[in-house]
Amino acid sequence: MPELSHRAAARADIDIVHAALMAVIDESPYYSDRFKAHEKSRLTKRFLRALQAQDPYHVIVLLSDGQPGGALVSGPEYGAIFRYWSWIFPSHRQTRLGLHGMRVFDEHWDNGKFHKAYTFVRPENEVALALLRRYGYEQTCILKQHIFGQDYAVMEKPYTKVTKDYDSGMGMGRLARLRERLSALLGR
């Protein structure tokens, strides 16, 4: 049985995570070509690095015997944590890495800062829906023709918020871009 682990993505992981993310977007049978083009233009390496700068655990690398085998990308949205994408690389599918990723995500993010975790899933994606349900997510509604004319199931899992303040999300202003460039120059 392989040893499963995880880590917050390092700056050096972004190339691998980004390439795998672009591939999973391309290969997914559930999304329209318009949605795929939108996601690929939005989820750039710069976007992933900005998420990392806000909190390194917004990009999590899932490991099997020390080798990257999947990833989770998330961000704060209105007092909740939104799972942008979570996937297992083709080389590690049909393993327990997806189950491991579900546990890792909740163990890290159910930290008192958020009311809930949520994500959008195409209603036809029965595998993703079953996995989310197995880990306590409930379908709260179907958003009809929500993203480029396609329906999406909203899957939510309650968390225990104890902090008074809210994470305001990610800003990509001039200061954030300057920090990113400085970090790149310093090799972080």
Foldseek 3Di string as FASTA:
>chain_A
DWDKDKDLDDLVCLVVQLVQVLVCLVPDPQDDPVVSVVVNVPPDSLVQVLQCVVPSNQWMFMDTNRHGFWIWHWWDDPQEIETEDTDTGPVCPPHCSLVVVLVVVCVPPLPQRHQKYKYKDQPVPVVVVVSLVVSAWDFPDWDQLPDVRGIITITMHGGHHDDPDHDPITDDDPVSVVVVVVCVVVVD
